[in-house]
Amino acid sequence: ICSELKPDAWYLDSLVVSPNYQGKNLGSQMINDCIKPYVINNGGTELSLITNSEINRQFYIKNGFEEIDESIIIYKNTKLKNWSYSLKLV
């Protein structure tokens, strides 16, 4: 679903915070203070991503992302839920 977004939509591939530092707002600060301004300053109007983790879903919703798709991926005979998110920037 993320590949169907507008050309000025950027895709966030990875955002990782060391387990020792999780829960200290570092991920939210990175999104708000670094990623969003960088994307906007380079012509992006939307930020999208995909996750397969329930805890990540909660994190991205808390940071203003909207769930735009839910699907199931089969990997090595295991079904994995997969969620796509989008955040309008302008």
Foldseek 3Di string as FASTA:
>chain_A
DVVPDDPLEAEDEDDDDPPVCPPVCPSLCCVVVPVLVVSVVVRHFKYKYKDQDPVVVVVVVVSAWDWDDWDWDQDPNDTTIMIMTMHGRD
